Amino acid sequence: MATALVLVAAGCGSQQSDGRFLGTGEVDVATHKDLPGMSLFENYTYSGFDNALFLDLEAWLENEEGVQVTRNADVSSAARIAKLQSGDADLVIASFSITPDRMREIDFVGPYLTTSQGFLVRTESGIRSHADLTGKRVCTWDGTTSRVALSELKNVVSVGATDAAACVQKLRDGHTDAVSTDQTLLYGFAQHHARTDDLLVVPDLTVGAPQHYGIGLAKGHPEDCRRLAEWLKNYVGGREWQGNFREALPLLVEEQPDWISRHKPEDDLIDAHSCVDRPKT
């Protein structure tokens, strides 16, 4: 009898799961693999802040929700929404900014990180202000919000590329004067190329609105979405978030002493952006 009571109590104290999440027993997570500091696959190893989030989420889904997790690596920025809508991915963790237009197509849980759009330049370029960008060639890539924000600056020459690495290579080769995207991504590239190139994220030179990174998922799973949002609030509010950020982006931490207040979202921001039903207009 005592043994039975212990087992019943143990069962009541843990979450009961039917081994399905988002309608499946095997959750497929799409990630980037070409963004240093965020999600990079190099020498057969993943690294970066998004990767750390993936690993912590994987542990929660497998241990608490009872589902298997697989990584669907190398999703392009332009294909993130399509991956979710087609069912090729169940979740996307890929430096995915939450926007009203995207919220009409898919759901988000987040943000798990807030950043601003900045500029990566060669140190000797002399670019330190908006005025210095006049007539300069600035690279952005397909499928991001960066190109829209850059259009606010009327006197720059916008240069396109297929992905982040291609933009940075254009900068390294001298074919562009700057790369413009989220500062977290820029600091990742600056620290990745520190040994071979003198690249600089220009301090406090930004454009556009703050960017809020969220976990993307297809619409139609409100209960699982809300449960994921509660897990994310615990993750962001715990030690894991700060430790993962410090390890993934040491150059940013060094150059921005207020990095926690700049980049760590509060619970009310997560509540305001997670699982929001925005009908198409």
Foldseek 3Di string as FASTA:
>chain_A
DVVVVVVVVVVVVADDAPCDFLRDNEAEEEEEAVFAQCWHQDPNDTAHLLVLVVVVVQCCCCVRHVGHYDYPYHDFLQCPLVCQVVVVGFKYRYQHFFDLVVCQRWFWFDQQKKFFKFKKFAPPLPDQELVSQAAFEEEDEPNDCFVVQVVVNPRHHYDYDHHDVVRVVCRVVVVGGIYIDTPSRNLSVCVVCVVPGRMDTRPPHGTDDMTGGTMIGGPDRQVSQVVVNVVSQCCLPDPSNVVSSCVSRVVCVVVDVPRCVRIRDHSVVSVVRGPDHDHDD
